[in-house]
Amino acid sequence: MTLPTSVEGVSGSRRWARSVGIGRAHAKAILLGEHAVVYGAPALALPIPQLTVTATAGWSSHASDGEDDLSYTMTGSPSRALVTQASDSLRRLVDAFKESLGVPGGPHLDVILDGGVPPGRGLGSSAATSRAIVLALADLFGRELTENRAFELVQTAENMAHGRASGVDARAVGSPGPLRFQAGEVRQLSIGCDGLFLVADSGTSGSTKEAVEMLRDSFHARSGAQDAFVGRATELTEAAEQALADGRTEELGARLVDYHELMRTAGLSTDRIDAMVGAALDAGSLGAKITGGGLGGCVIALTQPEQAREVTRRLHEAGAAQTWAVPLKGLDKHAV
């Protein structure tokens, strides 16, 4: 069903295709390619389907004065700063959605967000939130939304939130399977490995925007630094992709460790993250690294199932606030 081309003279909820719209998205973790992907290098991303965001959009009985026609509620106990920032971003996203799809104005809009992706951890919280809201709005207004149009809207929100965003998060939070992203092009990853990835939250928020700016400043300060970082990142990411496809788990793990060292040398890790990486490796993980923009966030560790319990225990001893397991088996069967 589509919206009427004109709402003039139509009162109440009958003017809209639906009274409630629902949208969902999930978290993601970057295996390799952080930061370098902004400069055109490849990145490998893994969906985390057990961490989801659900957005519900509907019309309320509040009278709209033309200025305050949107209410935003987050479940749980979010900070006031987070709610304020999210509300501002939501207004811009709703405006972009209406402009992009030619949707007219309407009565007071209520958006409720039930988010299971911790913010500031490099898990794609902002992109997942934006995608869930975009899908909820499309459902509410009865608009067909292509994957590319959804990506464009989410990417617009990501650029506003983080500065220059690569686009990998905007793609990965809607992908049913692991993917390779480079310069806007996406393709599924072939998985020949067994085992699982443990994602461990350090409990400390990072700032992608701050990390991006810090790395950019360091590139400007040292001649050749950008080429060296991007070149090494590309080498490691491509080697990891091939190892993942070939089933060479030890090789894949080694490349994760190498990429962590690249991030650590660039000043993007923290003492707690380093301790968690070390704990995972000491407990038998084949590889571990920081994941996401850095300066906090999460660790991702490649682990055999029989070692997962011990690795998880050691990660918590090293400071992990919570952990999630993402099995490799079957992921390729769900890829697009």
Protein backbone atom coordinates (compact mmCIF):
# COMPACT_ATOMS: atom_id res chain seq x y z
CA MET A 1 0.00 0.00 0.00
CA THR A 2 1.23 3.50 -0.75
CA LEU A 3 0.38 6.84 0.72
CA PRO A 4 -2.20 9.05 -0.98
CA THR A 5 -0.62 11.78 -3.04
CA SER A 6 -2.55 14.36 -1.05
CA VAL A 7 -3.62 14.35 2.59
CA GLU A 8 -5.68 17.50 2.36
CA GLY A 9 -9.15 17.02 3.78
CA VAL A 10 -8.36 13.61 5.27
CA SER A 11 -8.49 13.58 9.05
CA GLY A 12 -7.14 11.35 11.78
CA SER A 13 -5.22 8.15 11.28
CA ARG A 14 -7.04 7.38 7.99
CA ARG A 15 -4.67 9.66 6.11
CA TRP A 16 -1.77 7.22 6.66
CA ALA A 17 -1.14 3.77 5.27
CA ARG A 18 -0.44 2.30 8.73
CA SER A 19 -0.79 3.36 12.34
CA VAL A 20 2.48 1.72 13.46
CA GLY A 21 5.70 0.93 11.62
CA ILE A 22 8.45 -1.41 12.84
CA GLY A 23 12.09 -1.69 11.75
CA ARG A 24 14.99 -3.81 12.95
CA ALA A 25 18.76 -3.93 12.47
CA HIS A 26 21.66 -5.71 14.15
CA ALA A 27 25.18 -5.03 15.40
CA LYS A 28 28.37 -5.72 13.50
CA ALA A 29 32.05 -6.20 14.24
CA ILE A 30 34.96 -5.32 11.98
CA LEU A 31 37.36 -8.22 11.58
CA LEU A 32 40.04 -6.19 9.82
CA GLY A 33 40.22 -2.94 7.93
CA GLU A 34 39.36 -0.30 10.51
CA HIS A 35 40.28 3.26 9.51
CA ALA A 36 42.06 2.13 6.34
CA VAL A 37 38.64 1.51 4.76
CA VAL A 38 38.03 5.28 4.84
CA TYR A 39 41.03 5.64 2.49
CA GLY A 40 39.81 3.03 0.01
CA ALA A 41 41.26 -0.13 1.55
CA PRO A 42 39.09 -3.25 2.04
CA ALA A 43 37.40 -4.13 5.31
CA LEU A 44 35.86 -7.39 6.51
CA ALA A 45 32.72 -7.18 8.65
CA LEU A 46 30.79 -9.75 10.64
CA PRO A 47 27.11 -9.46 11.63
CA ILE A 48 26.22 -9.99 15.29
CA PRO A 49 22.61 -11.10 14.96
CA GLN A 50 21.99 -11.55 18.69
CA LEU A 51 22.46 -7.81 19.29
CA THR A 52 19.52 -6.04 17.72
CA VAL A 53 17.80 -2.67 17.62
CA THR A 54 14.04 -2.39 17.14
CA ALA A 55 12.39 0.91 16.26
CA THR A 56 8.65 1.54 16.46
CA ALA A 57 7.17 4.61 14.77
CA GLY A 58 3.58 5.76 15.10
CA TRP A 59 1.25 8.72 15.33
CA SER A 60 0.23 10.15 18.68
CA SER A 61 -2.62 12.35 19.80
CA HIS A 62 -0.24 15.21 20.61
CA ALA A 63 -1.02 18.36 18.71
CA SER A 64 1.77 19.47 16.42
CA ASP A 65 2.73 23.14 16.44
CA GLY A 66 4.99 22.75 13.41
CA GLU A 67 8.11 23.02 15.55
CA ASP A 68 7.84 20.11 17.95
CA ASP A 69 6.20 17.37 15.90
CA LEU A 70 8.45 14.51 16.99
CA SER A 71 8.87 12.59 20.24
CA TYR A 72 11.70 10.14 20.82
CA THR A 73 11.93 7.54 23.58
CA MET A 74 14.77 5.12 24.34
CA THR A 75 14.10 2.10 26.52
CA GLY A 76 16.42 1.25 29.39
CA SER A 77 18.34 3.94 31.25
CA PRO A 78 20.18 6.01 28.65
CA SER A 79 22.07 9.13 29.68
CA ARG A 80 20.50 12.51 29.06
CA ALA A 81 23.37 13.40 26.71
CA LEU A 82 22.80 10.25 24.66
CA VAL A 83 19.06 10.93 24.38
CA THR A 84 19.66 14.55 23.35
CA GLN A 85 22.21 13.58 20.72
CA ALA A 86 20.00 10.79 19.41
CA SER A 87 16.96 13.08 19.25
CA ASP A 88 18.84 15.68 17.22
CA SER A 89 20.10 13.00 14.82
CA LEU A 90 16.62 11.52 14.53
CA ARG A 91 15.07 14.82 13.48
CA ARG A 92 17.62 15.17 10.69
CA LEU A 93 17.11 11.56 9.66
CA VAL A 94 13.31 11.94 9.54
CA ASP A 95 13.68 15.10 7.45
CA ALA A 96 16.05 13.31 5.06
CA PHE A 97 13.65 10.36 4.81
CA LYS A 98 10.67 12.57 3.98
CA GLU A 99 12.63 14.57 1.43
CA SER A 100 14.11 11.47 -0.22
CA LEU A 101 10.80 9.62 -0.54
CA GLY A 102 8.55 12.62 -1.08
CA VAL A 103 6.59 12.08 2.11
CA PRO A 104 4.38 14.97 3.28
CA GLY A 105 4.25 16.28 6.83
CA GLY A 106 1.74 14.93 9.29
CA PRO A 107 0.63 14.82 12.90
CA HIS A 108 2.89 14.26 15.88
CA LEU A 109 5.27 11.35 15.32
CA ASP A 110 6.35 9.08 18.19
CA VAL A 111 9.47 6.92 17.81
CA ILE A 112 10.38 4.33 20.43
CA LEU A 113 13.79 2.70 20.25
CA ASP A 114 14.59 -0.58 21.98
CA GLY A 115 18.32 -0.92 21.55
CA GLY A 116 20.41 -3.96 22.40
CA VAL A 117 23.63 -2.63 20.83
CA PRO A 118 25.78 -0.81 23.40
CA PRO A 119 26.78 2.64 22.09
CA GLY A 120 30.37 3.73 21.66
CA ARG A 121 31.73 0.20 21.44
CA GLY A 122 32.51 -0.06 17.73
CA LEU A 123 29.55 -2.39 17.18
CA GLY A 124 27.67 -0.11 14.80
CA SER A 125 25.14 1.20 17.32
CA SER A 126 24.46 4.47 15.49
CA ALA A 127 24.15 2.79 12.09
CA ALA A 128 21.88 0.04 13.47
CA THR A 129 19.71 2.66 15.16
CA SER A 130 19.43 4.71 11.97
CA ARG A 131 18.60 1.66 9.86
CA ALA A 132 15.94 0.45 12.28
CA ILE A 133 14.33 3.91 12.26
CA VAL A 134 14.46 4.20 8.48
CA LEU A 135 12.79 0.80 8.10
CA ALA A 136 10.17 1.71 10.71
CA LEU A 137 9.35 4.93 8.86
CA ALA A 138 9.11 3.09 5.56
CA ASP A 139 6.75 0.59 7.17
CA LEU A 140 4.67 3.36 8.75
CA PHE A 141 4.32 5.32 5.53
CA GLY A 142 3.84 2.23 3.36
CA ARG A 143 6.86 3.07 1.22
CA GLU A 144 8.89 0.50 -0.68
CA LEU A 145 12.53 0.98 0.24
CA THR A 146 15.38 -0.49 -1.80
CA GLU A 147 18.52 -1.63 -0.03
CA ASN A 148 20.50 1.12 -1.75
CA ARG A 149 18.05 3.80 -0.66
CA ALA A 150 18.15 2.50 2.92
CA PHE A 151 21.95 2.55 2.78
CA GLU A 152 22.01 6.12 1.49
CA LEU A 153 19.79 7.34 4.31
CA VAL A 154 21.76 5.51 6.99
CA GLN A 155 25.03 6.72 5.48
CA THR A 156 23.79 10.32 5.60
CA ALA A 157 23.14 9.89 9.32
CA GLU A 158 26.55 8.24 9.81
CA ASN A 159 28.34 11.14 8.12
CA MET A 160 26.57 13.56 10.43
CA ALA A 161 27.49 11.48 13.50
CA HIS A 162 31.08 10.57 12.72
CA GLY A 163 32.29 12.95 10.05
CA ARG A 164 33.50 11.10 6.98
CA ALA A 165 32.07 7.58 7.29
CA SER A 166 33.33 4.77 5.06
CA GLY A 167 29.92 3.15 4.62
CA VAL A 168 30.90 -0.25 5.98
CA ASP A 169 28.74 0.12 9.09
CA ALA A 170 25.73 1.26 7.08
CA ARG A 171 26.01 -1.89 4.97
CA ALA A 172 26.99 -4.37 7.67
CA VAL A 173 24.10 -3.64 10.09
CA GLY A 174 21.67 -4.83 7.43
CA SER A 175 23.68 -7.74 6.03
CA PRO A 176 22.60 -11.27 6.96
CA GLY A 177 26.13 -12.57 6.44
CA PRO A 178 29.78 -11.52 6.64
CA LEU A 179 30.90 -9.14 3.94
CA ARG A 180 33.85 -7.46 2.28
CA PHE A 181 33.50 -3.73 1.75
CA GLN A 182 35.77 -1.56 -0.36
CA ALA A 183 35.12 1.86 -1.89
CA GLY A 184 31.37 1.38 -1.71
CA GLU A 185 31.40 -2.09 -3.27
CA VAL A 186 30.12 -5.04 -1.23
CA ARG A 187 30.37 -8.77 -1.70
CA GLN A 188 29.83 -11.78 0.53
CA LEU A 189 32.73 -13.54 2.19
CA SER A 190 33.47 -17.21 1.69
CA ILE A 191 33.94 -19.04 4.97
CA GLY A 192 35.97 -22.23 5.14
CA CYS A 193 36.86 -21.97 8.83
CA ASP A 194 35.26 -23.54 11.88
CA GLY A 195 35.42 -21.99 15.30
CA LEU A 196 33.80 -18.85 16.61
CA PHE A 197 34.47 -15.24 17.37
CA LEU A 198 34.12 -13.97 20.90
CA VAL A 199 33.28 -10.27 21.08
CA ALA A 200 34.14 -8.72 24.44
CA ASP A 201 33.01 -5.29 25.61
CA SER A 202 35.71 -3.41 27.51
CA GLY A 203 33.02 -1.37 29.24
CA THR A 204 34.66 1.81 28.00
CA SER A 205 33.19 3.93 25.25
CA GLY A 206 35.34 5.00 22.33
CA SER A 207 34.77 7.82 19.87
CA THR A 208 35.03 6.96 16.20
CA LYS A 209 35.04 10.63 15.25
CA GLU A 210 37.85 11.41 17.69
CA ALA A 211 39.86 8.38 16.55
CA VAL A 212 39.45 9.30 12.88
CA GLU A 213 40.58 12.86 13.52
CA MET A 214 43.53 11.75 15.65
CA LEU A 215 44.74 9.33 12.99
CA ARG A 216 44.30 11.92 10.25
CA ASP A 217 46.39 14.41 12.23
CA SER A 218 49.14 11.83 12.66
CA PHE A 219 49.12 11.18 8.91
CA HIS A 220 49.53 14.88 8.21
CA ALA A 221 52.35 15.14 10.73
CA ARG A 222 54.53 12.42 9.20
CA SER A 223 55.27 12.09 5.51
CA GLY A 224 54.36 8.67 4.17
CA ALA A 225 52.49 7.64 7.33
CA GLN A 226 49.12 7.34 5.60
CA ASP A 227 50.47 5.21 2.75
CA ALA A 228 52.28 2.96 5.21
CA PHE A 229 49.20 2.44 7.39
CA VAL A 230 46.81 1.86 4.51
CA GLY A 231 49.26 -0.40 2.70
CA ARG A 232 49.87 -2.59 5.73
CA ALA A 233 46.15 -2.71 6.54
CA THR A 234 45.34 -3.78 2.98
CA GLU A 235 47.98 -6.51 3.06
CA LEU A 236 46.67 -7.93 6.35
CA THR A 237 43.00 -7.72 5.37
CA GLU A 238 43.50 -9.47 2.05
CA ALA A 239 45.58 -12.21 3.70
CA ALA A 240 42.89 -12.69 6.35
CA GLU A 241 40.15 -12.90 3.73
CA GLN A 242 42.00 -15.65 1.89
CA ALA A 243 42.74 -17.53 5.11
CA LEU A 244 39.05 -17.32 6.09
CA ALA A 245 38.02 -18.79 2.74
CA ASP A 246 40.68 -21.51 2.78
CA GLY A 247 40.01 -22.66 6.33
CA ARG A 248 43.43 -21.67 7.63
CA THR A 249 42.35 -20.57 11.10
CA GLU A 250 45.86 -20.15 12.50
CA GLU A 251 46.77 -17.84 9.63
CA LEU A 252 43.57 -15.87 10.17
CA GLY A 253 44.32 -15.55 13.86
CA ALA A 254 47.84 -14.35 13.21
CA ARG A 255 46.57 -11.61 10.92
CA LEU A 256 44.16 -10.44 13.63
CA VAL A 257 47.09 -10.08 16.02
CA ASP A 258 49.08 -8.20 13.39
CA TYR A 259 46.21 -5.79 12.81
CA HIS A 260 45.89 -5.14 16.52
CA GLU A 261 49.55 -4.20 16.59
CA LEU A 262 48.94 -1.80 13.70
CA MET A 263 46.10 -0.16 15.62
CA ARG A 264 48.07 -0.12 18.89
CA THR A 265 51.09 1.49 17.26
CA ALA A 266 48.79 4.17 15.83
CA GLY A 267 47.64 5.00 19.36
CA LEU A 268 44.12 3.64 18.88
CA SER A 269 44.14 0.97 21.58
CA THR A 270 43.96 1.33 25.37
CA ASP A 271 45.60 -0.43 28.31
CA ARG A 272 42.42 -2.38 29.07
CA ILE A 273 41.96 -3.40 25.44
CA ASP A 274 45.60 -4.55 25.29
CA ALA A 275 45.11 -6.53 28.51
CA MET A 276 42.01 -8.21 27.10
CA VAL A 277 43.80 -9.10 23.86
CA GLY A 278 46.67 -10.59 25.87
CA ALA A 279 44.28 -12.54 28.09
CA ALA A 280 42.48 -14.04 25.11
CA LEU A 281 45.73 -15.14 23.51
CA ASP A 282 47.10 -16.57 26.78
CA ALA A 283 43.88 -18.58 27.16
CA GLY A 284 44.34 -20.20 23.76
CA SER A 285 42.66 -17.92 21.24
CA LEU A 286 44.15 -18.18 17.76
CA GLY A 287 44.03 -14.42 17.39
CA ALA A 288 42.57 -11.31 18.98
CA LYS A 289 42.40 -7.60 18.28
CA ILE A 290 40.57 -4.41 18.99
CA THR A 291 37.51 -3.97 16.78
CA GLY A 292 36.00 -0.69 15.67
CA GLY A 293 37.32 2.85 15.72
CA GLY A 294 39.33 2.44 18.89
CA LEU A 295 40.12 4.51 22.02
CA GLY A 296 37.85 2.05 23.84
CA GLY A 297 35.19 -0.34 22.64
CA CYS A 298 35.52 -4.08 22.10
CA VAL A 299 37.94 -6.92 21.46
CA ILE A 300 37.23 -9.72 18.99
CA ALA A 301 38.94 -13.08 19.49
CA LEU A 302 39.04 -16.10 17.16
CA THR A 303 38.56 -19.18 19.34
CA GLN A 304 37.93 -22.88 18.99
CA PRO A 305 34.68 -23.99 20.69
CA GLU A 306 36.46 -26.14 23.28
CA GLN A 307 38.48 -23.10 24.42
CA ALA A 308 35.61 -20.63 24.47
CA ARG A 309 34.71 -21.04 28.13
CA GLU A 310 38.26 -20.44 29.34
CA VAL A 311 38.82 -17.54 26.95
CA THR A 312 35.57 -15.95 28.10
CA ARG A 313 36.59 -16.32 31.74
CA ARG A 314 39.97 -14.75 31.13
CA LEU A 315 38.46 -11.89 29.16
CA HIS A 316 36.20 -11.05 32.10
CA GLU A 317 39.14 -11.25 34.49
CA ALA A 318 40.96 -8.76 32.27
CA GLY A 319 38.09 -6.27 32.45
CA ALA A 320 35.42 -7.34 29.96
CA ALA A 321 31.96 -6.15 30.98
CA GLN A 322 30.10 -8.62 28.75
CA THR A 323 30.81 -11.04 25.91
CA TRP A 324 28.99 -12.53 22.93
CA ALA A 325 29.80 -15.58 20.80
CA VAL A 326 29.42 -15.51 17.01
CA PRO A 327 29.90 -18.99 15.47
CA LEU A 328 31.45 -19.15 12.02
CA LYS A 329 29.59 -22.31 11.07
CA GLY A 330 26.64 -21.53 8.87
CA LEU A 331 27.33 -17.83 8.45
CA ASP A 332 28.15 -18.24 4.76
CA LYS A 333 24.82 -20.04 4.20
CA HIS A 334 23.00 -16.90 5.30
CA ALA A 335 25.08 -14.42 3.34
CA VAL A 336 23.47 -12.38 0.59
